[in-house]
Amino acid sequence: KHLDPVIEAIIEKKDLSIVIDGRMARIGKKVSNLDITDDVIDALD
């Protein structure tokens, strides 16, 4: 009722193609605006 709709809304707002579980992602270098976790937490709160 809350988390999935929030993530879907952020995907739509940012026009994202894909969202990956960060626990499994391996990032080679810093990429700006890649991690949306804090955005999700703020919106969920």
ModelCIF file with pLDDT and N, C-alpha, C, O atoms, coordinates in Angstrom:
data_MODEL
#
_entry.id   MODEL 
#
_entity.id                         1 
_entity.type                       polymer 
_entity.pdbx_number_of_molecules   1 
#
_entity_poly.entity_id                      1 
_entity_poly.type                           'polypeptide(L)' 
_entity_poly.nstd_linkage                   no 
_entity_poly.nstd_monomer                   no 
_entity_poly.pdbx_seq_one_letter_code       KHLDPVIEAIIEKKDLSIVIDGRMARIGKKVSNLDITDDVIDALD 
_entity_poly.pdbx_seq_one_letter_code_can   KHLDPVIEAIIEKKDLSIVIDGRMARIGKKVSNLDITDDVIDALD 
_entity_poly.pdbx_strand_id                 A 
#
loop_
_entity_poly_seq.entity_id 
_entity_poly_seq.num 
_entity_poly_seq.mon_id 
_entity_poly_seq.hetero 
1 1  LYS n 
1 2  HIS n 
1 3  LEU n 
1 4  ASP n 
1 5  PRO n 
1 6  VAL n 
1 7  ILE n 
1 8  GLU n 
1 9  ALA n 
1 10 ILE n 
1 11 ILE n 
1 12 GLU n 
1 13 LYS n 
1 14 LYS n 
1 15 ASP n 
1 16 LEU n 
1 17 SER n 
1 18 ILE n 
1 19 VAL n 
1 20 ILE n 
1 21 ASP n 
1 22 GLY n 
1 23 ARG n 
1 24 MET n 
1 25 ALA n 
1 26 ARG n 
1 27 ILE n 
1 28 GLY n 
1 29 LYS n 
1 30 LYS n 
1 31 VAL n 
1 32 SER n 
1 33 ASN n 
1 34 LEU n 
1 35 ASP n 
1 36 ILE n 
1 37 THR n 
1 38 ASP n 
1 39 ASP n 
1 40 VAL n 
1 41 ILE n 
1 42 ASP n 
1 43 ALA n 
1 44 LEU n 
1 45 ASP n 
#
_struct_asym.id          A 
_struct_asym.entity_id   1 
#
loop_
_ma_qa_metric.id 
_ma_qa_metric.mode 
_ma_qa_metric.name 
_ma_qa_metric.software_group_id 
_ma_qa_metric.type 
1 global pLDDT . pLDDT 
2 local  pLDDT . pLDDT 
#
_ma_qa_metric_global.metric_id      1 
_ma_qa_metric_global.metric_value   90.18 
_ma_qa_metric_global.model_id       1 
_ma_qa_metric_global.ordinal_id     1 
#
loop_
_ma_qa_metric_local.label_asym_id 
_ma_qa_metric_local.label_comp_id 
_ma_qa_metric_local.label_seq_id 
_ma_qa_metric_local.metric_id 
_ma_qa_metric_local.metric_value 
_ma_qa_metric_local.model_id 
_ma_qa_metric_local.ordinal_id 
A LYS 1  2 96.00 1 1  
A HIS 2  2 96.00 1 2  
A LEU 3  2 96.00 1 3  
A ASP 4  2 95.00 1 4  
A PRO 5  2 95.00 1 5  
A VAL 6  2 96.00 1 6  
A ILE 7  2 96.00 1 7  
A GLU 8  2 95.00 1 8  
A ALA 9  2 96.00 1 9  
A ILE 10 2 96.00 1 10 
A ILE 11 2 95.00 1 11 
A GLU 12 2 95.00 1 12 
A LYS 13 2 96.00 1 13 
A LYS 14 2 94.00 1 14 
A ASP 15 2 94.00 1 15 
A LEU 16 2 95.00 1 16 
A SER 17 2 94.00 1 17 
A ILE 18 2 92.00 1 18 
A VAL 19 2 93.00 1 19 
A ILE 20 2 90.00 1 20 
A ASP 21 2 88.00 1 21 
A GLY 22 2 86.00 1 22 
A ARG 23 2 82.00 1 23 
A MET 24 2 77.00 1 24 
A ALA 25 2 75.00 1 25 
A ARG 26 2 76.00 1 26 
A ILE 27 2 77.00 1 27 
A GLY 28 2 75.00 1 28 
A LYS 29 2 75.00 1 29 
A LYS 30 2 73.00 1 30 
A VAL 31 2 76.00 1 31 
A SER 32 2 80.00 1 32 
A ASN 33 2 85.00 1 33 
A LEU 34 2 90.00 1 34 
A ASP 35 2 91.00 1 35 
A ILE 36 2 94.00 1 36 
A THR 37 2 94.00 1 37 
A ASP 38 2 95.00 1 38 
A ASP 39 2 96.00 1 39 
A VAL 40 2 96.00 1 40 
A ILE 41 2 96.00 1 41 
A ASP 42 2 97.00 1 42 
A ALA 43 2 97.00 1 43 
A LEU 44 2 96.00 1 44 
A ASP 45 2 96.00 1 45 
#
loop_
_atom_site.group_PDB 
_atom_site.id 
_atom_site.type_symbol 
_atom_site.label_atom_id 
_atom_site.label_alt_id 
_atom_site.label_comp_id 
_atom_site.label_asym_id 
_atom_site.label_entity_id 
_atom_site.label_seq_id 
_atom_site.pdbx_PDB_ins_code 
_atom_site.Cartn_x 
_atom_site.Cartn_y 
_atom_site.Cartn_z 
_atom_site.occupancy 
_atom_site.B_iso_or_equiv 
_atom_site.pdbx_formal_charge 
_atom_site.auth_seq_id 
_atom_site.auth_comp_id 
_atom_site.auth_asym_id 
_atom_site.auth_atom_id 
_atom_site.pdbx_PDB_model_num 
ATOM 1   N N  . LYS A 1 1  ? 0.796  -1.227 0.000   1.00 96.00 ? 1  LYS A N  1 
ATOM 2   C CA . LYS A 1 1  ? 0.000  0.000  0.000   1.00 96.00 ? 1  LYS A CA 1 
ATOM 3   C C  . LYS A 1 1  ? 0.826  1.273  0.000   1.00 96.00 ? 1  LYS A C  1 
ATOM 4   O O  . LYS A 1 1  ? 0.330  2.335  -0.376  1.00 96.00 ? 1  LYS A O  1 
ATOM 5   N N  . HIS A 1 2  ? 2.078  1.177  0.417   1.00 96.00 ? 2  HIS A N  1 
ATOM 6   C CA . HIS A 1 2  ? 2.862  2.397  0.576   1.00 96.00 ? 2  HIS A CA 1 
ATOM 7   C C  . HIS A 1 2  ? 4.217  2.368  -0.141  1.00 96.00 ? 2  HIS A C  1 
ATOM 8   O O  . HIS A 1 2  ? 4.510  3.254  -0.945  1.00 96.00 ? 2  HIS A O  1 
ATOM 9   N N  . LEU A 1 3  ? 5.037  1.363  0.142   1.00 96.00 ? 3  LEU A N  1 
ATOM 10  C CA . LEU A 1 3  ? 6.391  1.345  -0.418  1.00 96.00 ? 3  LEU A CA 1 
ATOM 11  C C  . LEU A 1 3  ? 6.386  1.164  -1.935  1.00 96.00 ? 3  LEU A C  1 
ATOM 12  O O  . LEU A 1 3  ? 7.035  1.927  -2.650  1.00 96.00 ? 3  LEU A O  1 
ATOM 13  N N  . ASP A 1 4  ? 5.661  0.167  -2.429  1.00 95.00 ? 4  ASP A N  1 
ATOM 14  C CA . ASP A 1 4  ? 5.626  -0.067 -3.882  1.00 95.00 ? 4  ASP A CA 1 
ATOM 15  C C  . ASP A 1 4  ? 5.101  1.152  -4.642  1.00 95.00 ? 4  ASP A C  1 
ATOM 16  O O  . ASP A 1 4  ? 5.699  1.548  -5.643  1.00 95.00 ? 4  ASP A O  1 
ATOM 17  N N  . PRO A 1 5  ? 3.983  1.762  -4.186  1.00 95.00 ? 5  PRO A N  1 
ATOM 18  C CA . PRO A 1 5  ? 3.512  2.963  -4.894  1.00 95.00 ? 5  PRO A CA 1 
ATOM 19  C C  . PRO A 1 5  ? 4.522  4.108  -4.871  1.00 95.00 ? 5  PRO A C  1 
ATOM 20  O O  . PRO A 1 5  ? 4.646  4.844  -5.849  1.00 95.00 ? 5  PRO A O  1 
ATOM 21  N N  . VAL A 1 6  ? 5.242  4.261  -3.761  1.00 96.00 ? 6  VAL A N  1 
ATOM 22  C CA . VAL A 1 6  ? 6.252  5.320  -3.667  1.00 96.00 ? 6  VAL A CA 1 
ATOM 23  C C  . VAL A 1 6  ? 7.361  5.090  -4.693  1.00 96.00 ? 6  VAL A C  1 
ATOM 24  O O  . VAL A 1 6  ? 7.754  6.007  -5.413  1.00 96.00 ? 6  VAL A O  1 
ATOM 25  N N  . ILE A 1 7  ? 7.859  3.850  -4.749  1.00 96.00 ? 7  ILE A N  1 
ATOM 26  C CA . ILE A 1 7  ? 8.934  3.542  -5.699  1.00 96.00 ? 7  ILE A CA 1 
ATOM 27  C C  . ILE A 1 7  ? 8.451  3.735  -7.137  1.00 96.00 ? 7  ILE A C  1 
ATOM 28  O O  . ILE A 1 7  ? 9.175  4.273  -7.975  1.00 96.00 ? 7  ILE A O  1 
ATOM 29  N N  . GLU A 1 8  ? 7.235  3.297  -7.412  1.00 95.00 ? 8  GLU A N  1 
ATOM 30  C CA . GLU A 1 8  ? 6.679  3.458  -8.764  1.00 95.00 ? 8  GLU A CA 1 
ATOM 31  C C  . GLU A 1 8  ? 6.532  4.939  -9.127  1.00 95.00 ? 8  GLU A C  1 
ATOM 32  O O  . GLU A 1 8  ? 6.785  5.332  -10.265 1.00 95.00 ? 8  GLU A O  1 
ATOM 33  N N  . ALA A 1 9  ? 6.126  5.747  -8.164  1.00 96.00 ? 9  ALA A N  1 
ATOM 34  C CA . ALA A 1 9  ? 5.971  7.183  -8.414  1.00 96.00 ? 9  ALA A CA 1 
ATOM 35  C C  . ALA A 1 9  ? 7.316  7.845  -8.693  1.00 96.00 ? 9  ALA A C  1 
ATOM 36  O O  . ALA A 1 9  ? 7.420  8.721  -9.551  1.00 96.00 ? 9  ALA A O  1 
ATOM 37  N N  . ILE A 1 10 ? 8.353  7.413  -7.954  1.00 96.00 ? 10 ILE A N  1 
ATOM 38  C CA . ILE A 1 10 ? 9.692  7.963  -8.174  1.00 96.00 ? 10 ILE A CA 1 
ATOM 39  C C  . ILE A 1 10 ? 10.234 7.520  -9.534  1.00 96.00 ? 10 ILE A C  1 
ATOM 40  O O  . ILE A 1 10 ? 10.888 8.296  -10.229 1.00 96.00 ? 10 ILE A O  1 
ATOM 41  N N  . ILE A 1 11 ? 9.961  6.283  -9.903  1.00 95.00 ? 11 ILE A N  1 
ATOM 42  C CA . ILE A 1 11 ? 10.373 5.797  -11.225 1.00 95.00 ? 11 ILE A CA 1 
ATOM 43  C C  . ILE A 1 11 ? 9.752  6.663  -12.321 1.00 95.00 ? 11 ILE A C  1 
ATOM 44  O O  . ILE A 1 11 ? 10.418 7.043  -13.284 1.00 95.00 ? 11 ILE A O  1 
ATOM 45  N N  . GLU A 1 12 ? 8.473  6.964  -12.155 1.00 95.00 ? 12 GLU A N  1 
ATOM 46  C CA . GLU A 1 12 ? 7.777  7.775  -13.152 1.00 95.00 ? 12 GLU A CA 1 
ATOM 47  C C  . GLU A 1 12 ? 8.310  9.207  -13.161 1.00 95.00 ? 12 GLU A C  1 
ATOM 48  O O  . GLU A 1 12 ? 8.536  9.790  -14.222 1.00 95.00 ? 12 GLU A O  1 
ATOM 49  N N  . LYS A 1 13 ? 8.508  9.765  -11.966 1.00 96.00 ? 13 LYS A N  1 
ATOM 50  C CA . LYS A 1 13 ? 8.974  11.152 -11.887 1.00 96.00 ? 13 LYS A CA 1 
ATOM 51  C C  . LYS A 1 13 ? 10.364 11.320 -12.471 1.00 96.00 ? 13 LYS A C  1 
ATOM 52  O O  . LYS A 1 13 ? 10.642 12.318 -13.137 1.00 96.00 ? 13 LYS A O  1 
ATOM 53  N N  . LYS A 1 14 ? 11.238 10.359 -12.230 1.00 94.00 ? 14 LYS A N  1 
ATOM 54  C CA . LYS A 1 14 ? 12.611 10.435 -12.729 1.00 94.00 ? 14 LYS A CA 1 
ATOM 55  C C  . LYS A 1 14 ? 12.752 9.816  -14.121 1.00 94.00 ? 14 LYS A C  1 
ATOM 56  O O  . LYS A 1 14 ? 13.831 9.827  -14.714 1.00 94.00 ? 14 LYS A O  1 
ATOM 57  N N  . ASP A 1 15 ? 11.640 9.276  -14.631 1.00 94.00 ? 15 ASP A N  1 
ATOM 58  C CA . ASP A 1 15 ? 11.642 8.645  -15.949 1.00 94.00 ? 15 ASP A CA 1 
ATOM 59  C C  . ASP A 1 15 ? 12.716 7.559  -16.029 1.00 94.00 ? 15 ASP A C  1 
ATOM 60  O O  . ASP A 1 15 ? 13.523 7.522  -16.958 1.00 94.00 ? 15 ASP A O  1 
ATOM 61  N N  . LEU A 1 16 ? 12.700 6.679  -15.029 1.00 95.00 ? 16 LEU A N  1 
ATOM 62  C CA . LEU A 1 16 ? 13.708 5.622  -14.952 1.00 95.00 ? 16 LEU A CA 1 
ATOM 63  C C  . LEU A 1 16 ? 13.330 4.435  -15.824 1.00 95.00 ? 16 LEU A C  1 
ATOM 64  O O  . LEU A 1 16 ? 12.153 4.118  -15.991 1.00 95.00 ? 16 LEU A O  1 
ATOM 65  N N  . SER A 1 17 ? 14.346 3.785  -16.376 1.00 94.00 ? 17 SER A N  1 
ATOM 66  C CA . SER A 1 17 ? 14.127 2.580  -17.180 1.00 94.00 ? 17 SER A CA 1 
ATOM 67  C C  . SER A 1 17 ? 14.151 1.334  -16.304 1.00 94.00 ? 17 SER A C  1 
ATOM 68  O O  . SER A 1 17 ? 13.415 0.377  -16.545 1.00 94.00 ? 17 SER A O  1 
ATOM 69  N N  . ILE A 1 18 ? 15.000 1.357  -15.293 1.00 92.00 ? 18 ILE A N  1 
ATOM 70  C CA . ILE A 1 18 ? 15.157 0.178  -14.447 1.00 92.00 ? 18 ILE A CA 1 
ATOM 71  C C  . ILE A 1 18 ? 15.677 0.588  -13.077 1.00 92.00 ? 18 ILE A C  1 
ATOM 72  O O  . ILE A 1 18 ? 16.492 1.504  -12.961 1.00 92.00 ? 18 ILE A O  1 
ATOM 73  N N  . VAL A 1 19 ? 15.199 -0.099 -12.036 1.00 93.00 ? 19 VAL A N  1 
ATOM 74  C CA . VAL A 1 19 ? 15.691 0.117  -10.672 1.00 93.00 ? 19 VAL A CA 1 
ATOM 75  C C  . VAL A 1 19 ? 16.247 -1.213 -10.184 1.00 93.00 ? 19 VAL A C  1 
ATOM 76  O O  . VAL A 1 19 ? 15.568 -2.238 -10.245 1.00 93.00 ? 19 VAL A O  1 
ATOM 77  N N  . ILE A 1 20 ? 17.476 -1.192 -9.701  1.00 90.00 ? 20 ILE A N  1 
ATOM 78  C CA . ILE A 1 20 ? 18.172 -2.403 -9.277  1.00 90.00 ? 20 ILE A CA 1 
ATOM 79  C C  . ILE A 1 20 ? 18.312 -2.416 -7.766  1.00 90.00 ? 20 ILE A C  1 
ATOM 80  O O  . ILE A 1 20 ? 18.520 -1.373 -7.147  1.00 90.00 ? 20 ILE A O  1 
ATOM 81  N N  . ASP A 1 21 ? 18.195 -3.617 -7.164  1.00 88.00 ? 21 ASP A N  1 
ATOM 82  C CA . ASP A 1 21 ? 18.418 -3.765 -5.728  1.00 88.00 ? 21 ASP A CA 1 
ATOM 83  C C  . ASP A 1 21 ? 19.878 -3.443 -5.430  1.00 88.00 ? 21 ASP A C  1 
ATOM 84  O O  . ASP A 1 21 ? 20.784 -4.129 -5.904  1.00 88.00 ? 21 ASP A O  1 
ATOM 85  N N  . GLY A 1 22 ? 20.095 -2.398 -4.645  1.00 86.00 ? 22 GLY A N  1 
ATOM 86  C CA . GLY A 1 22 ? 21.446 -1.932 -4.365  1.00 86.00 ? 22 GLY A CA 1 
ATOM 87  C C  . GLY A 1 22 ? 22.307 -2.925 -3.614  1.00 86.00 ? 22 GLY A C  1 
ATOM 88  O O  . GLY A 1 22 ? 23.533 -2.823 -3.647  1.00 86.00 ? 22 GLY A O  1 
ATOM 89  N N  . ARG A 1 23 ? 21.696 -3.880 -2.941  1.00 82.00 ? 23 ARG A N  1 
ATOM 90  C CA . ARG A 1 23 ? 22.473 -4.883 -2.203  1.00 82.00 ? 23 ARG A CA 1 
ATOM 91  C C  . ARG A 1 23 ? 23.227 -5.800 -3.154  1.00 82.00 ? 23 ARG A C  1 
ATOM 92  O O  . ARG A 1 23 ? 24.242 -6.390 -2.783  1.00 82.00 ? 23 ARG A O  1 
ATOM 93  N N  . MET A 1 24 ? 22.734 -5.918 -4.373  1.00 77.00 ? 24 MET A N  1 
ATOM 94  C CA . MET A 1 24 ? 23.354 -6.818 -5.346  1.00 77.00 ? 24 MET A CA 1 
ATOM 95  C C  . MET A 1 24 ? 24.179 -6.060 -6.391  1.00 77.00 ? 24 MET A C  1 
ATOM 96  O O  . MET A 1 24 ? 24.939 -6.664 -7.149  1.00 77.00 ? 24 MET A O  1 
ATOM 97  N N  . ALA A 1 25 ? 24.024 -4.748 -6.423  1.00 75.00 ? 25 ALA A N  1 
ATOM 98  C CA . ALA A 1 25 ? 24.711 -3.957 -7.439  1.00 75.00 ? 25 ALA A CA 1 
ATOM 99  C C  . ALA A 1 25 ? 26.184 -3.781 -7.092  1.00 75.00 ? 25 ALA A C  1 
ATOM 100 O O  . ALA A 1 25 ? 26.539 -3.655 -5.920  1.00 75.00 ? 25 ALA A O  1 
ATOM 101 N N  . ARG A 1 26 ? 27.017 -3.774 -8.080  1.00 76.00 ? 26 ARG A N  1 
ATOM 102 C CA . ARG A 1 26 ? 28.440 -3.498 -7.923  1.00 76.00 ? 26 ARG A CA 1 
ATOM 103 C C  . ARG A 1 26 ? 28.759 -2.266 -8.757  1.00 76.00 ? 26 ARG A C  1 
ATOM 104 O O  . ARG A 1 26 ? 28.678 -2.297 -9.985  1.00 76.00 ? 26 ARG A O  1 
ATOM 105 N N  . ILE A 1 27 ? 29.122 -1.183 -8.080  1.00 77.00 ? 27 ILE A N  1 
ATOM 106 C CA . ILE A 1 27 ? 29.333 0.089  -8.752  1.00 77.00 ? 27 ILE A CA 1 
ATOM 107 C C  . ILE A 1 27 ? 30.822 0.381  -8.849  1.00 77.00 ? 27 ILE A C  1 
ATOM 108 O O  . ILE A 1 27 ? 31.528 0.410  -7.841  1.00 77.00 ? 27 ILE A O  1 
ATOM 109 N N  . GLY A 1 28 ? 31.297 0.599  -10.085 1.00 75.00 ? 28 GLY A N  1 
ATOM 110 C CA . GLY A 1 28 ? 32.721 0.812  -10.297 1.00 75.00 ? 28 GLY A CA 1 
ATOM 111 C C  . GLY A 1 28 ? 33.183 2.215  -9.954  1.00 75.00 ? 28 GLY A C  1 
ATOM 112 O O  . GLY A 1 28 ? 34.327 2.398  -9.536  1.00 75.00 ? 28 GLY A O  1 
ATOM 113 N N  . LYS A 1 29 ? 32.337 3.193  -10.117 1.00 75.00 ? 29 LYS A N  1 
ATOM 114 C CA . LYS A 1 29 ? 32.731 4.562  -9.812  1.00 75.00 ? 29 LYS A CA 1 
ATOM 115 C C  . LYS A 1 29 ? 31.493 5.352  -9.401  1.00 75.00 ? 29 LYS A C  1 
ATOM 116 O O  . LYS A 1 29 ? 30.358 4.932  -9.627  1.00 75.00 ? 29 LYS A O  1 
ATOM 117 N N  . LYS A 1 30 ? 31.745 6.498  -8.796  1.00 73.00 ? 30 LYS A N  1 
ATOM 118 C CA . LYS A 1 30 ? 30.645 7.322  -8.308  1.00 73.00 ? 30 LYS A CA 1 
ATOM 119 C C  . LYS A 1 30 ? 29.856 7.886  -9.483  1.00 73.00 ? 30 LYS A C  1 
ATOM 120 O O  . LYS A 1 30 ? 30.416 8.472  -10.408 1.00 73.00 ? 30 LYS A O  1 
ATOM 121 N N  . VAL A 1 31 ? 28.552 7.694  -9.422  1.00 76.00 ? 31 VAL A N  1 
ATOM 122 C CA . VAL A 1 31 ? 27.666 8.222  -10.452 1.00 76.00 ? 31 VAL A CA 1 
ATOM 123 C C  . VAL A 1 31 ? 26.608 9.057  -9.753  1.00 76.00 ? 31 VAL A C  1 
ATOM 124 O O  . VAL A 1 31 ? 25.922 8.552  -8.864  1.00 76.00 ? 31 VAL A O  1 
ATOM 125 N N  . SER A 1 32 ? 26.461 10.288 -10.119 1.00 80.00 ? 32 SER A N  1 
ATOM 126 C CA . SER A 1 32 ? 25.503 11.175 -9.453  1.00 80.00 ? 32 SER A CA 1 
ATOM 127 C C  . SER A 1 32 ? 24.071 10.738 -9.719  1.00 80.00 ? 32 SER A C  1 
ATOM 128 O O  . SER A 1 32 ? 23.732 10.296 -10.818 1.00 80.00 ? 32 SER A O  1 
ATOM 129 N N  . ASN A 1 33 ? 23.238 10.868 -8.695  1.00 85.00 ? 33 ASN A N  1 
ATOM 130 C CA . ASN A 1 33 ? 21.808 10.568 -8.780  1.00 85.00 ? 33 ASN A CA 1 
ATOM 131 C C  . ASN A 1 33 ? 21.489 9.103  -9.071  1.00 85.00 ? 33 ASN A C  1 
ATOM 132 O O  . ASN A 1 33 ? 20.394 8.778  -9.528  1.00 85.00 ? 33 ASN A O  1 
ATOM 133 N N  . LEU A 1 34 ? 22.457 8.219  -8.802  1.00 90.00 ? 34 LEU A N  1 
ATOM 134 C CA . LEU A 1 34 ? 22.222 6.799  -9.067  1.00 90.00 ? 34 LEU A CA 1 
ATOM 135 C C  . LEU A 1 34 ? 21.394 6.149  -7.958  1.00 90.00 ? 34 LEU A C  1 
ATOM 136 O O  . LEU A 1 34 ? 20.484 5.367  -8.231  1.00 90.00 ? 34 LEU A O  1 
ATOM 137 N N  . ASP A 1 35 ? 21.718 6.482  -6.698  1.00 91.00 ? 35 ASP A N  1 
ATOM 138 C CA . ASP A 1 35 ? 21.053 5.857  -5.545  1.00 91.00 ? 35 ASP A CA 1 
ATOM 139 C C  . ASP A 1 35 ? 19.829 6.683  -5.145  1.00 91.00 ? 35 ASP A C  1 
ATOM 140 O O  . ASP A 1 35 ? 19.954 7.852  -4.777  1.00 91.00 ? 35 ASP A O  1 
ATOM 141 N N  . ILE A 1 36 ? 18.637 6.063  -5.220  1.00 94.00 ? 36 ILE A N  1 
ATOM 142 C CA . ILE A 1 36 ? 17.398 6.774  -4.869  1.00 94.00 ? 36 ILE A CA 1 
ATOM 143 C C  . ILE A 1 36 ? 16.859 6.347  -3.504  1.00 94.00 ? 36 ILE A C  1 
ATOM 144 O O  . ILE A 1 36 ? 15.716 6.654  -3.162  1.00 94.00 ? 36 ILE A O  1 
ATOM 145 N N  . THR A 1 37 ? 17.681 5.639  -2.725  1.00 94.00 ? 37 THR A N  1 
ATOM 146 C CA . THR A 1 37 ? 17.213 5.106  -1.436  1.00 94.00 ? 37 THR A CA 1 
ATOM 147 C C  . THR A 1 37 ? 16.709 6.200  -0.505  1.00 94.00 ? 37 THR A C  1 
ATOM 148 O O  . THR A 1 37 ? 15.631 6.068  0.073   1.00 94.00 ? 37 THR A O  1 
ATOM 149 N N  . ASP A 1 38 ? 17.472 7.275  -0.352  1.00 95.00 ? 38 ASP A N  1 
ATOM 150 C CA . ASP A 1 38 ? 17.057 8.353  0.547   1.00 95.00 ? 38 ASP A CA 1 
ATOM 151 C C  . ASP A 1 38 ? 15.763 9.010  0.068   1.00 95.00 ? 38 ASP A C  1 
ATOM 152 O O  . ASP A 1 38 ? 14.917 9.398  0.875   1.00 95.00 ? 38 ASP A O  1 
ATOM 153 N N  . ASP A 1 39 ? 15.619 9.129  -1.250  1.00 96.00 ? 39 ASP A N  1 
ATOM 154 C CA . ASP A 1 39 ? 14.373 9.681  -1.799  1.00 96.00 ? 39 ASP A CA 1 
ATOM 155 C C  . ASP A 1 39 ? 13.190 8.805  -1.419  1.00 96.00 ? 39 ASP A C  1 
ATOM 156 O O  . ASP A 1 39 ? 12.124 9.303  -1.056  1.00 96.00 ? 39 ASP A O  1 
ATOM 157 N N  . VAL A 1 40 ? 13.391 7.485  -1.508  1.00 96.00 ? 40 VAL A N  1 
ATOM 158 C CA . VAL A 1 40 ? 12.325 6.543  -1.174  1.00 96.00 ? 40 VAL A CA 1 
ATOM 159 C C  . VAL A 1 40 ? 11.972 6.639  0.310   1.00 96.00 ? 40 VAL A C  1 
ATOM 160 O O  . VAL A 1 40 ? 10.795 6.658  0.670   1.00 96.00 ? 40 VAL A O  1 
ATOM 161 N N  . ILE A 1 41 ? 12.982 6.700  1.162   1.00 96.00 ? 41 ILE A N  1 
ATOM 162 C CA . ILE A 1 41 ? 12.744 6.784  2.609   1.00 96.00 ? 41 ILE A CA 1 
ATOM 163 C C  . ILE A 1 41 ? 11.983 8.070  2.956   1.00 96.00 ? 41 ILE A C  1 
ATOM 164 O O  . ILE A 1 41 ? 11.012 8.037  3.711   1.00 96.00 ? 41 ILE A O  1 
ATOM 165 N N  . ASP A 1 42 ? 12.428 9.193  2.404   1.00 97.00 ? 42 ASP A N  1 
ATOM 166 C CA . ASP A 1 42 ? 11.766 10.475 2.686   1.00 97.00 ? 42 ASP A CA 1 
ATOM 167 C C  . ASP A 1 42 ? 10.305 10.452 2.236   1.00 97.00 ? 42 ASP A C  1 
ATOM 168 O O  . ASP A 1 42 ? 9.422  10.925 2.952   1.00 97.00 ? 42 ASP A O  1 
ATOM 169 N N  . ALA A 1 43 ? 10.057 9.903  1.050   1.00 97.00 ? 43 ALA A N  1 
ATOM 170 C CA . ALA A 1 43 ? 8.692  9.847  0.528   1.00 97.00 ? 43 ALA A CA 1 
ATOM 171 C C  . ALA A 1 43 ? 7.830  8.886  1.331   1.00 97.00 ? 43 ALA A C  1 
ATOM 172 O O  . ALA A 1 43 ? 6.658  9.159  1.591   1.00 97.00 ? 43 ALA A O  1 
ATOM 173 N N  . LEU A 1 44 ? 8.417  7.755  1.723   1.00 96.00 ? 44 LEU A N  1 
ATOM 174 C CA . LEU A 1 44 ? 7.665  6.774  2.521   1.00 96.00 ? 44 LEU A CA 1 
ATOM 175 C C  . LEU A 1 44 ? 7.307  7.355  3.880   1.00 96.00 ? 44 LEU A C  1 
ATOM 176 O O  . LEU A 1 44 ? 6.192  7.161  4.364   1.00 96.00 ? 44 LEU A O  1 
ATOM 177 N N  . ASP A 1 45 ? 8.256  8.073  4.504   1.00 96.00 ? 45 ASP A N  1 
ATOM 178 C CA . ASP A 1 45 ? 7.992  8.705  5.803   1.00 96.00 ? 45 ASP A CA 1 
ATOM 179 C C  . ASP A 1 45 ? 6.866  9.736  5.696   1.00 96.00 ? 45 ASP A C  1 
ATOM 180 O O  . ASP A 1 45 ? 6.510  10.366 6.691   1.00 96.00 ? 45 ASP A O  1 
#
